[in-house]
Amino acid sequence: MANHKSAEKRIRQTERRTEVNRARVSRIRSFVKKVEGAIQSGDKSAAAEAFKSAQPELMRGVSKGVLHKNTVSRKLSRLSAAIKAL
């Protein structure tokens, strides 16, 4: 348990940030799953549309610091290649 006021405050802030970040990552995963589902079904236009909506969401994750830039770039590249292959 924290003994200083500042440490207690940091604990409160961390709990709030953790909750927000978990929600953000969960939202990103949902967008990616929509794209992957459309790719699985073989619907190129739906996959492209889902990809367009997922792309800014993934980049927002980078700017908010919940995902690494290279991880997102790799994911987007692989999804794009999968859509082109349809």
PDB file of N, CA and C in Angstrom:
ATOM      1  N   MET A   1       0.832  -1.189   0.000  1.00  0.00           N
ATOM      2  CA  MET A   1       0.000   0.000   0.000  1.00  0.00           C
ATOM      3  C   MET A   1       0.873   1.247   0.000  1.00  0.00           C
ATOM      4  N   ALA A   2       0.427   2.261  -0.710  1.00  0.00           N
ATOM      5  CA  ALA A   2       1.198   3.500  -0.825  1.00  0.00           C
ATOM      6  C   ALA A   2       1.165   4.286   0.483  1.00  0.00           C
ATOM      7  N   ASN A   3       2.296   4.890   0.791  1.00  0.00           N
ATOM      8  CA  ASN A   3       2.407   5.670   2.030  1.00  0.00           C
ATOM      9  C   ASN A   3       2.365   7.168   1.796  1.00  0.00           C
ATOM     10  N   HIS A   4       2.556   7.620   0.585  1.00  0.00           N
ATOM     11  CA  HIS A   4       2.585   9.050   0.283  1.00  0.00           C
ATOM     12  C   HIS A   4       1.367   9.436  -0.542  1.00  0.00           C
ATOM     13  N   LYS A   5       0.959  10.701  -0.385  1.00  0.00           N
ATOM     14  CA  LYS A   5      -0.191  11.197  -1.136  1.00  0.00           C
ATOM     15  C   LYS A   5       0.051  11.076  -2.635  1.00  0.00           C
ATOM     16  N   SER A   6       1.267  11.418  -3.055  1.00  0.00           N
ATOM     17  CA  SER A   6       1.576  11.381  -4.484  1.00  0.00           C
ATOM     18  C   SER A   6       1.511   9.952  -5.026  1.00  0.00           C
ATOM     19  N   ALA A   7       1.949   8.997  -4.210  1.00  0.00           N
ATOM     20  CA  ALA A   7       1.898   7.592  -4.635  1.00  0.00           C
ATOM     21  C   ALA A   7       0.456   7.114  -4.732  1.00  0.00           C
ATOM     22  N   GLU A   8      -0.380   7.551  -3.801  1.00  0.00           N
ATOM     23  CA  GLU A   8      -1.808   7.187  -3.851  1.00  0.00           C
ATOM     24  C   GLU A   8      -2.459   7.775  -5.095  1.00  0.00           C
ATOM     25  N   LYS A   9      -2.086   9.010  -5.412  1.00  0.00           N
ATOM     26  CA  LYS A   9      -2.630   9.659  -6.607  1.00  0.00           C
ATOM     27  C   LYS A   9      -2.201   8.905  -7.866  1.00  0.00           C
ATOM     28  N   ARG A  10      -0.926   8.504  -7.927  1.00  0.00           N
ATOM     29  CA  ARG A  10      -0.430   7.763  -9.080  1.00  0.00           C
ATOM     30  C   ARG A  10      -1.196   6.451  -9.247  1.00  0.00           C
ATOM     31  N   ILE A  11      -1.518   5.799  -8.143  1.00  0.00           N
ATOM     32  CA  ILE A  11      -2.283   4.553  -8.195  1.00  0.00           C
ATOM     33  C   ILE A  11      -3.658   4.800  -8.809  1.00  0.00           C
ATOM     34  N   ARG A  12      -4.321   5.882  -8.363  1.00  0.00           N
ATOM     35  CA  ARG A  12      -5.639   6.224  -8.905  1.00  0.00           C
ATOM     36  C   ARG A  12      -5.554   6.526 -10.399  1.00  0.00           C
ATOM     37  N   GLN A  13      -4.541   7.301 -10.780  1.00  0.00           N
ATOM     38  CA  GLN A  13      -4.378   7.664 -12.191  1.00  0.00           C
ATOM     39  C   GLN A  13      -4.099   6.433 -13.046  1.00  0.00           C
ATOM     40  N   THR A  14      -3.261   5.563 -12.539  1.00  0.00           N
ATOM     41  CA  THR A  14      -2.907   4.343 -13.280  1.00  0.00           C
ATOM     42  C   THR A  14      -4.130   3.469 -13.500  1.00  0.00           C
ATOM     43  N   GLU A  15      -4.965   3.345 -12.481  1.00  0.00           N
ATOM     44  CA  GLU A  15      -6.186   2.541 -12.615  1.00  0.00           C
ATOM     45  C   GLU A  15      -7.086   3.103 -13.710  1.00  0.00           C
ATOM     46  N   ARG A  16      -7.247   4.437 -13.729  1.00  0.00           N
ATOM     47  CA  ARG A  16      -8.078   5.075 -14.749  1.00  0.00           C
ATOM     48  C   ARG A  16      -7.500   4.894 -16.144  1.00  0.00           C
ATOM     49  N   ARG A  17      -6.190   5.111 -16.285  1.00  0.00           N
ATOM     50  CA  ARG A  17      -5.537   4.983 -17.584  1.00  0.00           C
ATOM     51  C   ARG A  17      -5.608   3.543 -18.088  1.00  0.00           C
ATOM     52  N   THR A  18      -5.425   2.591 -17.161  1.00  0.00           N
ATOM     53  CA  THR A  18      -5.479   1.175 -17.533  1.00  0.00           C
ATOM     54  C   THR A  18      -6.850   0.835 -18.105  1.00  0.00           C
ATOM     55  N   GLU A  19      -7.887   1.326 -17.463  1.00  0.00           N
ATOM     56  CA  GLU A  19      -9.250   1.065 -17.923  1.00  0.00           C
ATOM     57  C   GLU A  19      -9.478   1.638 -19.321  1.00  0.00           C
ATOM     58  N   VAL A  20      -9.026   2.878 -19.535  1.00  0.00           N
ATOM     59  CA  VAL A  20      -9.185   3.532 -20.832  1.00  0.00           C
ATOM     60  C   VAL A  20      -8.394   2.794 -21.904  1.00  0.00           C
ATOM     61  N   ASN A  21      -7.154   2.424 -21.576  1.00  0.00           N
ATOM     62  CA  ASN A  21      -6.298   1.747 -22.546  1.00  0.00           C
ATOM     63  C   ASN A  21      -6.837   0.367 -22.907  1.00  0.00           C
ATOM     64  N   ARG A  22      -7.360  -0.351 -21.920  1.00  0.00           N
ATOM     65  CA  ARG A  22      -7.950  -1.665 -22.208  1.00  0.00           C
ATOM     66  C   ARG A  22      -9.134  -1.538 -23.151  1.00  0.00           C
ATOM     67  N   ALA A  23      -9.970  -0.516 -22.914  1.00  0.00           N
ATOM     68  CA  ALA A  23     -11.122  -0.290 -23.784  1.00  0.00           C
ATOM     69  C   ALA A  23     -10.656   0.050 -25.193  1.00  0.00           C
ATOM     70  N   ARG A  24      -9.601   0.846 -25.291  1.00  0.00           N
ATOM     71  CA  ARG A  24      -9.085   1.245 -26.594  1.00  0.00           C
ATOM     72  C   ARG A  24      -8.536   0.047 -27.369  1.00  0.00           C
ATOM     73  N   VAL A  25      -7.768  -0.801 -26.700  1.00  0.00           N
ATOM     74  CA  VAL A  25      -7.202  -1.982 -27.351  1.00  0.00           C
ATOM     75  C   VAL A  25      -8.322  -2.944 -27.766  1.00  0.00           C
ATOM     76  N   SER A  26      -9.329  -3.084 -26.926  1.00  0.00           N
ATOM     77  CA  SER A  26     -10.460  -3.952 -27.230  1.00  0.00           C
ATOM     78  C   SER A  26     -11.196  -3.458 -28.473  1.00  0.00           C
ATOM     79  N   ARG A  27     -11.381  -2.153 -28.560  1.00  0.00           N
ATOM     80  CA  ARG A  27     -12.047  -1.536 -29.711  1.00  0.00           C
ATOM     81  C   ARG A  27     -11.240  -1.785 -30.984  1.00  0.00           C
ATOM     82  N   ILE A  28      -9.924  -1.646 -30.887  1.00  0.00           N
ATOM     83  CA  ILE A  28      -9.051  -1.878 -32.037  1.00  0.00           C
ATOM     84  C   ILE A  28      -9.156  -3.329 -32.491  1.00  0.00           C
ATOM     85  N   ARG A  29      -9.138  -4.244 -31.529  1.00  0.00           N
ATOM     86  CA  ARG A  29      -9.250  -5.673 -31.869  1.00  0.00           C
ATOM     87  C   ARG A  29     -10.560  -5.962 -32.596  1.00  0.00           C
ATOM     88  N   SER A  30     -11.638  -5.312 -32.170  1.00  0.00           N
ATOM     89  CA  SER A  30     -12.941  -5.509 -32.812  1.00  0.00           C
ATOM     90  C   SER A  30     -12.901  -5.071 -34.272  1.00  0.00           C
ATOM     91  N   PHE A  31     -12.275  -3.927 -34.530  1.00  0.00           N
ATOM     92  CA  PHE A  31     -12.163  -3.442 -35.901  1.00  0.00           C
ATOM     93  C   PHE A  31     -11.360  -4.412 -36.756  1.00  0.00           C
ATOM     94  N   VAL A  32     -10.261  -4.921 -36.205  1.00  0.00           N
ATOM     95  CA  VAL A  32      -9.409  -5.864 -36.953  1.00  0.00           C
ATOM     96  C   VAL A  32     -10.171  -7.157 -37.219  1.00  0.00           C
ATOM     97  N   LYS A  33     -10.938  -7.611 -36.239  1.00  0.00           N
ATOM     98  CA  LYS A  33     -11.714  -8.835 -36.417  1.00  0.00           C
ATOM     99  C   LYS A  33     -12.755  -8.687 -37.523  1.00  0.00           C
ATOM    100  N   LYS A  34     -13.340  -7.490 -37.663  1.00  0.00           N
ATOM    101  CA  LYS A  34     -14.298  -7.255 -38.744  1.00  0.00           C
ATOM    102  C   LYS A  34     -13.624  -7.409 -40.098  1.00  0.00           C
ATOM    103  N   VAL A  35     -12.412  -6.876 -40.214  1.00  0.00           N
ATOM    104  CA  VAL A  35     -11.662  -6.993 -41.467  1.00  0.00           C
ATOM    105  C   VAL A  35     -11.323  -8.452 -41.726  1.00  0.00           C
ATOM    106  N   GLU A  36     -10.812  -9.138 -40.727  1.00  0.00           N
ATOM    107  CA  GLU A  36     -10.430 -10.545 -40.888  1.00  0.00           C
ATOM    108  C   GLU A  36     -11.636 -11.412 -41.217  1.00  0.00           C
ATOM    109  N   GLY A  37     -12.773 -11.102 -40.618  1.00  0.00           N
ATOM    110  CA  GLY A  37     -13.998 -11.849 -40.915  1.00  0.00           C
ATOM    111  C   GLY A  37     -14.440 -11.663 -42.356  1.00  0.00           C
ATOM    112  N   ALA A  38     -14.326 -10.433 -42.846  1.00  0.00           N
ATOM    113  CA  ALA A  38     -14.699 -10.152 -44.235  1.00  0.00           C
ATOM    114  C   ALA A  38     -13.736 -10.852 -45.196  1.00  0.00           C
ATOM    115  N   ILE A  39     -12.460 -10.907 -44.817  1.00  0.00           N
ATOM    116  CA  ILE A  39     -11.474 -11.611 -45.652  1.00  0.00           C
ATOM    117  C   ILE A  39     -11.788 -13.105 -45.676  1.00  0.00           C
ATOM    118  N   GLN A  40     -12.130 -13.661 -44.527  1.00  0.00           N
ATOM    119  CA  GLN A  40     -12.473 -15.091 -44.426  1.00  0.00           C
ATOM    120  C   GLN A  40     -13.669 -15.432 -45.302  1.00  0.00           C
ATOM    121  N   SER A  41     -14.661 -14.537 -45.309  1.00  0.00           N
ATOM    122  CA  SER A  41     -15.864 -14.807 -46.099  1.00  0.00           C
ATOM    123  C   SER A  41     -15.627 -14.607 -47.591  1.00  0.00           C
ATOM    124  N   GLY A  42     -14.513 -13.948 -47.939  1.00  0.00           N
ATOM    125  CA  GLY A  42     -14.181 -13.760 -49.346  1.00  0.00           C
ATOM    126  C   GLY A  42     -14.830 -12.556 -49.992  1.00  0.00           C
ATOM    127  N   ASP A  43     -15.405 -11.672 -49.186  1.00  0.00           N
ATOM    128  CA  ASP A  43     -16.083 -10.479 -49.700  1.00  0.00           C
ATOM    129  C   ASP A  43     -15.079  -9.328 -49.778  1.00  0.00           C
ATOM    130  N   LYS A  44     -14.561  -9.088 -50.977  1.00  0.00           N
ATOM    131  CA  LYS A  44     -13.493  -8.093 -51.138  1.00  0.00           C
ATOM    132  C   LYS A  44     -13.965  -6.674 -50.833  1.00  0.00           C
ATOM    133  N   SER A  45     -15.155  -6.305 -51.298  1.00  0.00           N
ATOM    134  CA  SER A  45     -15.631  -4.939 -51.074  1.00  0.00           C
ATOM    135  C   SER A  45     -15.912  -4.681 -49.589  1.00  0.00           C
ATOM    136  N   ALA A  46     -16.488  -5.671 -48.908  1.00  0.00           N
ATOM    137  CA  ALA A  46     -16.746  -5.517 -47.467  1.00  0.00           C
ATOM    138  C   ALA A  46     -15.434  -5.464 -46.699  1.00  0.00           C
ATOM    139  N   ALA A  47     -14.462  -6.259 -47.124  1.00  0.00           N
ATOM    140  CA  ALA A  47     -13.154  -6.264 -46.468  1.00  0.00           C
ATOM    141  C   ALA A  47     -12.458  -4.923 -46.654  1.00  0.00           C
ATOM    142  N   ALA A  48     -12.540  -4.377 -47.862  1.00  0.00           N
ATOM    143  CA  ALA A  48     -11.921  -3.081 -48.137  1.00  0.00           C
ATOM    144  C   ALA A  48     -12.576  -1.978 -47.316  1.00  0.00           C
ATOM    145  N   GLU A  49     -13.883  -2.045 -47.196  1.00  0.00           N
ATOM    146  CA  GLU A  49     -14.626  -1.050 -46.406  1.00  0.00           C
ATOM    147  C   GLU A  49     -14.266  -1.155 -44.928  1.00  0.00           C
ATOM    148  N   ALA A  50     -14.206  -2.374 -44.423  1.00  0.00           N
ATOM    149  CA  ALA A  50     -13.831  -2.584 -43.020  1.00  0.00           C
ATOM    150  C   ALA A  50     -12.395  -2.144 -42.771  1.00  0.00           C
ATOM    151  N   PHE A  51     -11.530  -2.371 -43.753  1.00  0.00           N
ATOM    152  CA  PHE A  51     -10.126  -1.964 -43.644  1.00  0.00           C
ATOM    153  C   PHE A  51     -10.011  -0.449 -43.548  1.00  0.00           C
ATOM    154  N   LYS A  52     -10.821   0.256 -44.350  1.00  0.00           N
ATOM    155  CA  LYS A  52     -10.808   1.723 -44.325  1.00  0.00           C
ATOM    156  C   LYS A  52     -11.208   2.267 -42.961  1.00  0.00           C
ATOM    157  N   SER A  53     -12.130   1.595 -42.298  1.00  0.00           N
ATOM    158  CA  SER A  53     -12.549   2.060 -40.972  1.00  0.00           C
ATOM    159  C   SER A  53     -11.576   1.627 -39.876  1.00  0.00           C
ATOM    160  N   ALA A  54     -10.880   0.505 -40.105  1.00  0.00           N
ATOM    161  CA  ALA A  54      -9.935   0.004 -39.100  1.00  0.00           C
ATOM    162  C   ALA A  54      -8.619   0.770 -39.110  1.00  0.00           C
ATOM    163  N   GLN A  55      -8.218   1.245 -40.269  1.00  0.00           N
ATOM    164  CA  GLN A  55      -6.923   1.899 -40.408  1.00  0.00           C
ATOM    165  C   GLN A  55      -6.751   3.102 -39.474  1.00  0.00           C
ATOM    166  N   PRO A  56      -7.658   4.076 -39.460  1.00  0.00           N
ATOM    167  CA  PRO A  56      -7.476   5.207 -38.543  1.00  0.00           C
ATOM    168  C   PRO A  56      -7.554   4.791 -37.076  1.00  0.00           C
ATOM    169  N   GLU A  57      -8.337   3.756 -36.802  1.00  0.00           N
ATOM    170  CA  GLU A  57      -8.463   3.277 -35.421  1.00  0.00           C
ATOM    171  C   GLU A  57      -7.126   2.707 -34.933  1.00  0.00           C
ATOM    172  N   LEU A  58      -6.469   1.947 -35.791  1.00  0.00           N
ATOM    173  CA  LEU A  58      -5.155   1.393 -35.450  1.00  0.00           C
ATOM    174  C   LEU A  58      -4.127   2.507 -35.268  1.00  0.00           C
ATOM    175  N   MET A  59      -4.140   3.495 -36.150  1.00  0.00           N
ATOM    176  CA  MET A  59      -3.180   4.593 -36.039  1.00  0.00           C
ATOM    177  C   MET A  59      -3.447   5.441 -34.795  1.00  0.00           C
ATOM    178  N   ARG A  60      -4.694   5.524 -34.407  1.00  0.00           N
ATOM    179  CA  ARG A  60      -5.034   6.231 -33.169  1.00  0.00           C
ATOM    180  C   ARG A  60      -4.446   5.499 -31.962  1.00  0.00           C
ATOM    181  N   GLY A  61      -4.437   4.176 -32.048  1.00  0.00           N
ATOM    182  CA  GLY A  61      -3.814   3.383 -30.990  1.00  0.00           C
ATOM    183  C   GLY A  61      -2.333   3.681 -30.856  1.00  0.00           C
ATOM    184  N   VAL A  62      -1.691   3.936 -31.992  1.00  0.00           N
ATOM    185  CA  VAL A  62      -0.264   4.294 -31.978  1.00  0.00           C
ATOM    186  C   VAL A  62      -0.083   5.655 -31.314  1.00  0.00           C
ATOM    187  N   SER A  63      -0.891   6.627 -31.728  1.00  0.00           N
ATOM    188  CA  SER A  63      -0.729   7.981 -31.195  1.00  0.00           C
ATOM    189  C   SER A  63      -1.066   8.051 -29.704  1.00  0.00           C
ATOM    190  N   LYS A  64      -1.948   7.172 -29.232  1.00  0.00           N
ATOM    191  CA  LYS A  64      -2.304   7.151 -27.810  1.00  0.00           C
ATOM    192  C   LYS A  64      -1.341   6.308 -26.982  1.00  0.00           C
ATOM    193  N   GLY A  65      -0.459   5.586 -27.670  1.00  0.00           N
ATOM    194  CA  GLY A  65       0.584   4.850 -26.969  1.00  0.00           C
ATOM    195  C   GLY A  65       0.210   3.458 -26.495  1.00  0.00           C
ATOM    196  N   VAL A  66      -0.862   2.886 -27.031  1.00  0.00           N
ATOM    197  CA  VAL A  66      -1.242   1.539 -26.605  1.00  0.00           C
ATOM    198  C   VAL A  66      -0.693   0.460 -27.529  1.00  0.00           C
ATOM    199  N   LEU A  67      -0.281   0.853 -28.734  1.00  0.00           N
ATOM    200  CA  LEU A  67       0.319  -0.077 -29.679  1.00  0.00           C
ATOM    201  C   LEU A  67       1.593   0.539 -30.265  1.00  0.00           C
ATOM    202  N   HIS A  68       2.528  -0.315 -30.649  1.00  0.00           N
ATOM    203  CA  HIS A  68       3.761   0.168 -31.257  1.00  0.00           C
ATOM    204  C   HIS A  68       3.535   0.437 -32.745  1.00  0.00           C
ATOM    205  N   LYS A  69       4.198   1.462 -33.240  1.00  0.00           N
ATOM    206  CA  LYS A  69       4.039   1.883 -34.631  1.00  0.00           C
ATOM    207  C   LYS A  69       4.342   0.762 -35.620  1.00  0.00           C
ATOM    208  N   ASN A  70       5.426   0.031 -35.398  1.00  0.00           N
ATOM    209  CA  ASN A  70       5.805  -1.034 -36.327  1.00  0.00           C
ATOM    210  C   ASN A  70       4.819  -2.196 -36.297  1.00  0.00           C
ATOM    211  N   THR A  71       4.266  -2.473 -35.127  1.00  0.00           N
ATOM    212  CA  THR A  71       3.263  -3.536 -34.994  1.00  0.00           C
ATOM    213  C   THR A  71       2.044  -3.208 -35.847  1.00  0.00           C
ATOM    214  N   VAL A  72       1.598  -1.965 -35.758  1.00  0.00           N
ATOM    215  CA  VAL A  72       0.424  -1.525 -36.516  1.00  0.00           C
ATOM    216  C   VAL A  72       0.722  -1.519 -38.014  1.00  0.00           C
ATOM    217  N   SER A  73       1.901  -1.047 -38.374  1.00  0.00           N
ATOM    218  CA  SER A  73       2.282  -1.031 -39.792  1.00  0.00           C
ATOM    219  C   SER A  73       2.298  -2.442 -40.368  1.00  0.00           C
ATOM    220  N   ARG A  74       2.840  -3.374 -39.617  1.00  0.00           N
ATOM    221  CA  ARG A  74       2.896  -4.767 -40.052  1.00  0.00           C
ATOM    222  C   ARG A  74       1.485  -5.338 -40.200  1.00  0.00           C
ATOM    223  N   LYS A  75       0.634  -5.061 -39.233  1.00  0.00           N
ATOM    224  CA  LYS A  75      -0.743  -5.563 -39.264  1.00  0.00           C
ATOM    225  C   LYS A  75      -1.501  -5.017 -40.471  1.00  0.00           C
ATOM    226  N   LEU A  76      -1.370  -3.700 -40.696  1.00  0.00           N
ATOM    227  CA  LEU A  76      -2.050  -3.074 -41.820  1.00  0.00           C
ATOM    228  C   LEU A  76      -1.533  -3.625 -43.152  1.00  0.00           C
ATOM    229  N   SER A  77      -0.235  -3.830 -43.234  1.00  0.00           N
ATOM    230  CA  SER A  77       0.357  -4.360 -44.453  1.00  0.00           C
ATOM    231  C   SER A  77      -0.171  -5.758 -44.749  1.00  0.00           C
ATOM    232  N   ARG A  78      -0.231  -6.590 -43.740  1.00  0.00           N
ATOM    233  CA  ARG A  78      -0.704  -7.972 -43.925  1.00  0.00           C
ATOM    234  C   ARG A  78      -2.185  -8.016 -44.286  1.00  0.00           C
ATOM    235  N   LEU A  79      -2.978  -7.157 -43.645  1.00  0.00           N
ATOM    236  CA  LEU A  79      -4.412  -7.113 -43.969  1.00  0.00           C
ATOM    237  C   LEU A  79      -4.620  -6.618 -45.402  1.00  0.00           C
ATOM    238  N   SER A  80      -3.874  -5.594 -45.775  1.00  0.00           N
ATOM    239  CA  SER A  80      -3.969  -5.044 -47.130  1.00  0.00           C
ATOM    240  C   SER A  80      -3.598  -6.096 -48.168  1.00  0.00           C
ATOM    241  N   ALA A  81      -2.520  -6.827 -47.910  1.00  0.00           N
ATOM    242  CA  ALA A  81      -2.080  -7.876 -48.841  1.00  0.00           C
ATOM    243  C   ALA A  81      -3.138  -8.965 -48.956  1.00  0.00           C
ATOM    244  N   ALA A  82      -3.775  -9.314 -47.832  1.00  0.00           N
ATOM    245  CA  ALA A  82      -4.806 -10.351 -47.839  1.00  0.00           C
ATOM    246  C   ALA A  82      -6.027  -9.900 -48.651  1.00  0.00           C
ATOM    247  N   ILE A  83      -6.355  -8.606 -48.542  1.00  0.00           N
ATOM    248  CA  ILE A  83      -7.496  -8.068 -49.293  1.00  0.00           C
ATOM    249  C   ILE A  83      -7.179  -8.065 -50.791  1.00  0.00           C
ATOM    250  N   LYS A  84      -5.964  -7.670 -51.145  1.00  0.00           N
ATOM    251  CA  LYS A  84      -5.560  -7.653 -52.558  1.00  0.00           C
ATOM    252  C   LYS A  84      -5.566  -9.054 -53.164  1.00  0.00           C
ATOM    253  N   ALA A  85      -5.272 -10.051 -52.335  1.00  0.00           N
ATOM    254  CA  ALA A  85      -5.208 -11.436 -52.818  1.00  0.00           C
ATOM    255  C   ALA A  85      -6.593 -12.028 -53.095  1.00  0.00           C
ATOM    256  N   LEU A  86      -7.653 -11.373 -52.604  1.00  0.00           N
ATOM    257  CA  LEU A  86      -9.016 -11.901 -52.818  1.00  0.00           C
ATOM    258  C   LEU A  86      -9.422 -11.821 -54.280  1.00  0.00           C
TER     259      LEU A  86
END
